[in-house]
N, C-alpha and C. Protein backbone atom coordinates (compact mmCIF):
# COMPACT_ATOMS: atom_id res chain seq x y z
N UNK A 1 -28.17 19.63 31.52
CA UNK A 1 -27.17 18.57 31.70
C UNK A 1 -26.20 18.59 30.52
N UNK A 2 -24.94 18.54 30.80
CA UNK A 2 -23.90 18.51 29.77
C UNK A 2 -23.44 17.07 29.60
N UNK A 3 -23.14 16.70 28.37
CA UNK A 3 -22.66 15.35 28.10
C UNK A 3 -21.51 15.40 27.11
N UNK A 4 -20.60 14.49 27.25
CA UNK A 4 -19.45 14.44 26.34
C UNK A 4 -19.81 13.86 24.98
N UNK A 5 -21.06 13.38 24.81
CA UNK A 5 -21.46 12.74 23.57
C UNK A 5 -22.13 13.68 22.58
N UNK A 6 -22.25 14.94 22.92
CA UNK A 6 -22.70 16.02 22.01
C UNK A 6 -24.01 15.75 21.29
N UNK A 7 -25.08 15.39 22.01
CA UNK A 7 -26.35 15.20 21.32
C UNK A 7 -26.91 16.55 20.84
N UNK A 8 -27.58 16.52 19.70
CA UNK A 8 -28.22 17.72 19.16
C UNK A 8 -29.62 17.34 18.70
N UNK A 9 -30.63 17.98 19.25
CA UNK A 9 -32.00 17.78 18.79
C UNK A 9 -32.21 18.62 17.54
N UNK A 10 -32.83 18.03 16.52
CA UNK A 10 -33.06 18.75 15.27
C UNK A 10 -33.79 20.07 15.50
N UNK A 11 -34.76 20.06 16.41
CA UNK A 11 -35.54 21.28 16.67
C UNK A 11 -34.70 22.40 17.28
N UNK A 12 -33.53 22.06 17.82
CA UNK A 12 -32.65 23.06 18.44
C UNK A 12 -31.37 23.28 17.64
N UNK A 13 -31.28 22.68 16.47
CA UNK A 13 -30.06 22.79 15.65
C UNK A 13 -29.91 24.21 15.10
N UNK A 14 -28.67 24.63 14.97
CA UNK A 14 -28.36 25.90 14.31
C UNK A 14 -28.56 25.70 12.81
N UNK A 15 -29.24 26.63 12.15
CA UNK A 15 -29.48 26.55 10.71
C UNK A 15 -28.70 27.63 9.99
N UNK A 16 -27.99 27.23 8.93
CA UNK A 16 -27.22 28.17 8.11
C UNK A 16 -27.55 27.91 6.64
N UNK A 17 -27.13 28.82 5.79
CA UNK A 17 -27.26 28.61 4.34
C UNK A 17 -25.89 28.21 3.81
N UNK A 18 -25.84 27.08 3.12
CA UNK A 18 -24.59 26.59 2.54
C UNK A 18 -24.21 27.43 1.33
N UNK A 19 -22.93 27.39 0.92
CA UNK A 19 -22.52 28.10 -0.29
C UNK A 19 -23.34 27.72 -1.52
N UNK A 20 -23.84 26.48 -1.58
CA UNK A 20 -24.63 26.05 -2.74
C UNK A 20 -26.08 26.53 -2.68
N UNK A 21 -26.47 27.19 -1.59
CA UNK A 21 -27.82 27.72 -1.46
C UNK A 21 -28.78 26.86 -0.67
N UNK A 22 -28.38 25.66 -0.30
CA UNK A 22 -29.26 24.79 0.48
C UNK A 22 -29.24 25.21 1.96
N UNK A 23 -30.30 24.81 2.68
CA UNK A 23 -30.36 25.04 4.13
C UNK A 23 -29.64 23.90 4.82
N UNK A 24 -28.88 24.23 5.87
CA UNK A 24 -28.13 23.22 6.60
C UNK A 24 -28.46 23.34 8.09
N UNK A 25 -28.98 22.27 8.67
CA UNK A 25 -29.20 22.18 10.11
C UNK A 25 -28.02 21.42 10.68
N UNK A 26 -27.23 22.09 11.51
CA UNK A 26 -26.00 21.50 12.04
C UNK A 26 -26.33 20.56 13.19
N UNK A 27 -25.94 19.30 13.05
CA UNK A 27 -26.23 18.27 14.04
C UNK A 27 -24.95 17.89 14.79
N UNK A 28 -24.82 16.64 15.19
CA UNK A 28 -23.68 16.19 15.99
C UNK A 28 -22.37 16.29 15.22
N UNK A 29 -21.29 16.49 15.97
CA UNK A 29 -19.96 16.51 15.36
C UNK A 29 -18.93 16.08 16.38
N UNK A 30 -17.80 15.61 15.86
CA UNK A 30 -16.66 15.29 16.72
C UNK A 30 -15.39 15.61 15.94
N UNK A 31 -14.26 15.16 16.41
CA UNK A 31 -12.99 15.49 15.77
C UNK A 31 -12.84 14.87 14.38
N UNK A 32 -13.61 13.85 14.06
CA UNK A 32 -13.45 13.13 12.80
C UNK A 32 -14.51 13.43 11.74
N UNK A 33 -15.64 14.00 12.15
CA UNK A 33 -16.69 14.28 11.18
C UNK A 33 -17.80 15.13 11.77
N UNK A 34 -18.64 15.62 10.88
CA UNK A 34 -19.80 16.40 11.30
C UNK A 34 -21.03 15.89 10.55
N UNK A 35 -22.19 16.05 11.18
CA UNK A 35 -23.45 15.58 10.61
C UNK A 35 -24.38 16.77 10.45
N UNK A 36 -25.18 16.75 9.39
CA UNK A 36 -26.13 17.84 9.15
C UNK A 36 -27.32 17.31 8.37
N UNK A 37 -28.41 18.08 8.43
CA UNK A 37 -29.54 17.84 7.52
C UNK A 37 -29.48 18.93 6.47
N UNK A 38 -29.46 18.50 5.20
CA UNK A 38 -29.46 19.43 4.06
C UNK A 38 -30.87 19.48 3.49
N UNK A 39 -31.38 20.68 3.21
CA UNK A 39 -32.73 20.84 2.64
C UNK A 39 -32.69 21.78 1.45
N UNK A 40 -33.43 21.42 0.42
CA UNK A 40 -33.55 22.26 -0.77
C UNK A 40 -35.04 22.38 -1.09
N UNK A 41 -35.52 23.61 -1.20
CA UNK A 41 -36.94 23.86 -1.43
C UNK A 41 -37.43 23.18 -2.71
N UNK A 42 -38.75 22.91 -2.80
CA UNK A 42 -39.31 22.29 -4.00
C UNK A 42 -38.96 23.06 -5.27
N UNK A 43 -38.67 22.33 -6.32
CA UNK A 43 -38.41 22.89 -7.65
C UNK A 43 -37.28 23.93 -7.62
N UNK A 44 -36.23 23.63 -6.86
CA UNK A 44 -35.08 24.53 -6.72
C UNK A 44 -33.81 23.79 -7.13
N UNK A 45 -32.86 24.53 -7.68
CA UNK A 45 -31.57 23.98 -8.09
C UNK A 45 -30.47 24.61 -7.25
N UNK A 46 -29.57 23.79 -6.72
CA UNK A 46 -28.43 24.31 -5.96
C UNK A 46 -27.40 24.90 -6.92
N UNK A 47 -26.48 25.67 -6.37
CA UNK A 47 -25.31 26.09 -7.14
C UNK A 47 -24.34 24.91 -7.18
N UNK A 48 -23.59 24.80 -8.25
CA UNK A 48 -22.62 23.71 -8.37
C UNK A 48 -21.35 24.07 -7.60
N UNK A 49 -20.84 23.10 -6.83
CA UNK A 49 -19.63 23.32 -6.03
C UNK A 49 -18.73 22.08 -6.08
N UNK A 50 -17.54 22.29 -5.57
CA UNK A 50 -16.57 21.20 -5.36
C UNK A 50 -15.96 21.45 -3.99
N UNK A 51 -15.84 20.41 -3.17
CA UNK A 51 -15.21 20.55 -1.86
C UNK A 51 -13.71 20.38 -1.98
N UNK A 52 -12.99 21.25 -1.33
CA UNK A 52 -11.52 21.25 -1.42
C UNK A 52 -10.87 20.12 -0.61
N UNK A 53 -11.38 19.86 0.62
CA UNK A 53 -10.68 18.93 1.51
C UNK A 53 -11.57 17.88 2.17
N UNK A 54 -12.89 18.00 2.03
CA UNK A 54 -13.78 17.06 2.73
C UNK A 54 -14.48 16.13 1.75
N UNK A 55 -14.94 15.01 2.28
CA UNK A 55 -15.80 14.10 1.54
C UNK A 55 -17.10 13.97 2.31
N UNK A 56 -18.17 13.58 1.63
CA UNK A 56 -19.46 13.48 2.30
C UNK A 56 -20.18 12.19 1.94
N UNK A 57 -20.99 11.73 2.88
CA UNK A 57 -21.93 10.63 2.69
C UNK A 57 -23.32 11.21 2.91
N UNK A 58 -24.24 10.98 1.98
CA UNK A 58 -25.61 11.49 2.08
C UNK A 58 -26.59 10.34 2.14
N UNK A 59 -27.68 10.55 2.89
CA UNK A 59 -28.81 9.62 2.94
C UNK A 59 -30.07 10.45 2.74
N UNK A 60 -30.81 10.18 1.69
CA UNK A 60 -32.01 10.95 1.36
C UNK A 60 -33.16 10.51 2.26
N UNK A 61 -33.80 11.49 2.92
CA UNK A 61 -34.89 11.17 3.84
C UNK A 61 -36.25 11.69 3.38
N UNK A 62 -36.28 12.65 2.45
CA UNK A 62 -37.57 13.20 1.99
C UNK A 62 -37.40 13.85 0.63
N UNK A 63 -38.49 13.91 -0.12
CA UNK A 63 -38.48 14.57 -1.42
C UNK A 63 -37.89 13.70 -2.51
N UNK A 64 -37.89 14.25 -3.72
CA UNK A 64 -37.25 13.59 -4.86
C UNK A 64 -36.43 14.62 -5.61
N UNK A 65 -35.43 14.14 -6.32
CA UNK A 65 -34.59 15.06 -7.09
C UNK A 65 -33.52 14.31 -7.85
N UNK A 66 -32.51 15.05 -8.23
CA UNK A 66 -31.36 14.48 -8.95
C UNK A 66 -30.09 15.15 -8.45
N UNK A 67 -29.00 14.39 -8.52
CA UNK A 67 -27.68 14.95 -8.22
C UNK A 67 -26.76 14.66 -9.39
N UNK A 68 -26.10 15.71 -9.87
CA UNK A 68 -25.07 15.59 -10.90
C UNK A 68 -23.73 15.58 -10.19
N UNK A 69 -22.87 14.63 -10.57
CA UNK A 69 -21.52 14.52 -10.02
C UNK A 69 -20.53 14.37 -11.16
N UNK A 70 -19.38 15.03 -11.04
CA UNK A 70 -18.33 14.93 -12.04
C UNK A 70 -16.98 14.93 -11.34
N UNK A 71 -16.16 13.92 -11.66
CA UNK A 71 -14.85 13.81 -11.01
C UNK A 71 -13.69 14.13 -11.94
N UNK A 72 -13.97 14.69 -13.10
CA UNK A 72 -12.92 15.02 -14.05
C UNK A 72 -12.67 13.93 -15.07
N UNK A 73 -13.08 12.69 -14.76
CA UNK A 73 -12.92 11.59 -15.72
C UNK A 73 -14.26 11.15 -16.30
N UNK A 74 -15.34 11.64 -15.72
CA UNK A 74 -16.67 11.30 -16.17
C UNK A 74 -17.70 11.96 -15.28
N UNK A 75 -18.95 11.88 -15.70
CA UNK A 75 -20.01 12.47 -14.90
C UNK A 75 -21.19 11.53 -14.83
N UNK A 76 -22.05 11.75 -13.83
CA UNK A 76 -23.20 10.89 -13.62
C UNK A 76 -24.32 11.72 -13.02
N UNK A 77 -25.55 11.38 -13.36
CA UNK A 77 -26.73 11.97 -12.73
C UNK A 77 -27.42 10.85 -11.97
N UNK A 78 -27.63 11.05 -10.68
CA UNK A 78 -28.23 10.04 -9.81
C UNK A 78 -29.61 10.53 -9.39
N UNK A 79 -30.62 9.68 -9.56
CA UNK A 79 -31.98 9.98 -9.09
C UNK A 79 -32.00 9.88 -7.56
N UNK A 80 -32.54 10.91 -6.91
CA UNK A 80 -32.59 10.96 -5.45
C UNK A 80 -34.01 10.72 -4.96
N UNK A 81 -34.15 9.81 -4.01
CA UNK A 81 -35.44 9.50 -3.39
C UNK A 81 -35.16 8.93 -2.01
N UNK A 82 -36.13 9.00 -1.10
CA UNK A 82 -35.92 8.47 0.24
C UNK A 82 -35.42 7.03 0.23
N UNK A 83 -34.42 6.78 1.07
CA UNK A 83 -33.82 5.46 1.18
C UNK A 83 -32.52 5.31 0.42
N UNK A 84 -32.18 6.27 -0.45
CA UNK A 84 -30.95 6.20 -1.23
C UNK A 84 -29.80 6.83 -0.45
N UNK A 85 -28.63 6.20 -0.49
CA UNK A 85 -27.42 6.80 0.06
C UNK A 85 -26.38 6.92 -1.04
N UNK A 86 -25.49 7.90 -0.91
CA UNK A 86 -24.45 8.09 -1.91
C UNK A 86 -23.23 8.74 -1.30
N UNK A 87 -22.13 8.66 -2.01
CA UNK A 87 -20.85 9.22 -1.58
C UNK A 87 -20.44 10.35 -2.50
N UNK A 88 -19.92 11.43 -1.92
CA UNK A 88 -19.37 12.55 -2.69
C UNK A 88 -17.89 12.66 -2.31
N UNK A 89 -16.99 12.06 -3.10
CA UNK A 89 -15.57 12.10 -2.78
C UNK A 89 -14.99 13.52 -2.84
N UNK A 90 -13.92 13.74 -2.12
CA UNK A 90 -13.21 15.02 -2.14
C UNK A 90 -12.87 15.40 -3.57
N UNK A 91 -13.09 16.66 -3.93
CA UNK A 91 -12.74 17.16 -5.25
C UNK A 91 -13.78 16.90 -6.33
N UNK A 92 -14.87 16.22 -6.00
CA UNK A 92 -15.93 15.94 -6.97
C UNK A 92 -16.84 17.15 -7.11
N UNK A 93 -17.06 17.59 -8.33
CA UNK A 93 -18.03 18.66 -8.58
C UNK A 93 -19.42 18.06 -8.47
N UNK A 94 -20.35 18.81 -7.83
CA UNK A 94 -21.72 18.29 -7.72
C UNK A 94 -22.73 19.42 -7.65
N UNK A 95 -23.94 19.07 -8.06
CA UNK A 95 -25.07 19.99 -8.04
C UNK A 95 -26.32 19.13 -7.88
N UNK A 96 -27.29 19.62 -7.13
CA UNK A 96 -28.51 18.84 -6.95
C UNK A 96 -29.74 19.73 -7.12
N UNK A 97 -30.85 19.05 -7.44
CA UNK A 97 -32.09 19.78 -7.63
C UNK A 97 -33.26 18.99 -7.07
N UNK A 98 -34.23 19.74 -6.57
CA UNK A 98 -35.45 19.18 -6.02
C UNK A 98 -36.51 19.18 -7.12
N UNK A 99 -37.10 18.03 -7.38
CA UNK A 99 -38.07 17.91 -8.46
C UNK A 99 -39.50 17.74 -7.97
N UNK A 100 -39.69 17.61 -6.68
CA UNK A 100 -41.03 17.36 -6.15
C UNK A 100 -41.67 18.59 -5.54
N UNK A 101 -42.83 18.36 -4.93
CA UNK A 101 -43.60 19.43 -4.31
C UNK A 101 -43.31 19.59 -2.82
N UNK A 102 -42.38 18.79 -2.31
CA UNK A 102 -41.91 18.94 -0.92
C UNK A 102 -40.40 19.11 -0.97
N UNK A 103 -39.80 19.69 0.08
CA UNK A 103 -38.35 19.87 0.06
C UNK A 103 -37.60 18.55 -0.08
N UNK A 104 -36.48 18.60 -0.78
CA UNK A 104 -35.54 17.49 -0.84
C UNK A 104 -34.69 17.58 0.42
N UNK A 105 -34.63 16.50 1.20
CA UNK A 105 -33.89 16.51 2.45
C UNK A 105 -32.96 15.30 2.52
N UNK A 106 -31.76 15.55 3.03
CA UNK A 106 -30.78 14.49 3.22
C UNK A 106 -30.07 14.68 4.55
N UNK A 107 -29.68 13.58 5.15
CA UNK A 107 -28.78 13.61 6.30
C UNK A 107 -27.41 13.32 5.74
N UNK A 108 -26.45 14.16 6.08
CA UNK A 108 -25.10 13.99 5.54
C UNK A 108 -24.05 13.97 6.63
N UNK A 109 -23.00 13.23 6.37
CA UNK A 109 -21.83 13.19 7.24
C UNK A 109 -20.65 13.71 6.44
N UNK A 110 -19.96 14.70 6.98
CA UNK A 110 -18.81 15.32 6.34
C UNK A 110 -17.55 14.92 7.09
N UNK A 111 -16.53 14.44 6.34
CA UNK A 111 -15.28 13.98 6.96
C UNK A 111 -14.09 14.59 6.24
N UNK A 112 -13.17 15.21 6.93
CA UNK A 112 -13.25 15.62 8.33
C UNK A 112 -14.38 16.63 8.52
N UNK A 113 -14.58 17.15 9.74
CA UNK A 113 -15.68 18.09 9.97
C UNK A 113 -15.61 19.29 9.03
N UNK A 114 -16.78 19.85 8.71
CA UNK A 114 -16.88 21.03 7.84
C UNK A 114 -16.02 22.15 8.39
N UNK A 115 -15.03 22.64 7.62
CA UNK A 115 -14.11 23.66 8.13
C UNK A 115 -14.60 25.10 7.98
N UNK A 116 -15.61 25.34 7.14
CA UNK A 116 -16.10 26.70 6.95
C UNK A 116 -16.50 26.94 5.51
N UNK A 117 -17.08 28.11 5.27
CA UNK A 117 -17.66 28.41 3.95
C UNK A 117 -16.63 28.44 2.82
N UNK A 118 -15.36 28.66 3.11
CA UNK A 118 -14.33 28.66 2.06
C UNK A 118 -14.04 27.26 1.53
N UNK A 119 -14.59 26.24 2.18
CA UNK A 119 -14.38 24.86 1.74
C UNK A 119 -14.97 24.61 0.35
N UNK A 120 -16.08 25.25 0.05
CA UNK A 120 -16.78 25.02 -1.22
C UNK A 120 -16.26 25.99 -2.28
N UNK A 121 -15.89 25.42 -3.42
CA UNK A 121 -15.42 26.20 -4.57
C UNK A 121 -16.50 26.11 -5.65
N UNK A 122 -16.95 27.25 -6.16
CA UNK A 122 -17.97 27.25 -7.21
C UNK A 122 -17.39 26.74 -8.52
N UNK A 123 -18.18 25.93 -9.23
CA UNK A 123 -17.77 25.34 -10.51
C UNK A 123 -18.94 25.46 -11.49
N UNK A 124 -18.66 25.33 -12.80
CA UNK A 124 -19.78 25.29 -13.76
C UNK A 124 -20.64 24.06 -13.48
N UNK A 125 -21.95 24.23 -13.50
CA UNK A 125 -22.86 23.14 -13.17
C UNK A 125 -23.58 22.57 -14.37
N UNK A 126 -24.37 21.56 -14.11
CA UNK A 126 -25.16 20.89 -15.14
C UNK A 126 -26.43 21.66 -15.45
N UNK A 127 -27.04 22.25 -14.40
CA UNK A 127 -28.33 22.92 -14.57
C UNK A 127 -28.17 24.40 -14.37
């Protein structure tokens, strides 16, 4: 059955590797945004990146870790744990790491929709 509402079951999602090295399960999307599950293996650090044109909202669903963010005027390290949500504005440099024994997982919404791998620009990171 086809539907105009674009449902995606996580078990059937396409999985890719993001430029930062995390696993991305591609979920629902429309003309205004895209949704994905981001996963980082235990005791792993992502590569630091900055998005050229998109902004993201993240909600942590599993694992523990930290995210470093820098907007050019200051930087912050945020402790990540289930139940926390955060915003990554366009042009913000960020890097995250998993500190626990289970993968760090987040559900994220990207606005506008993720345009492709060239969206992420590598930057010097915290870790």
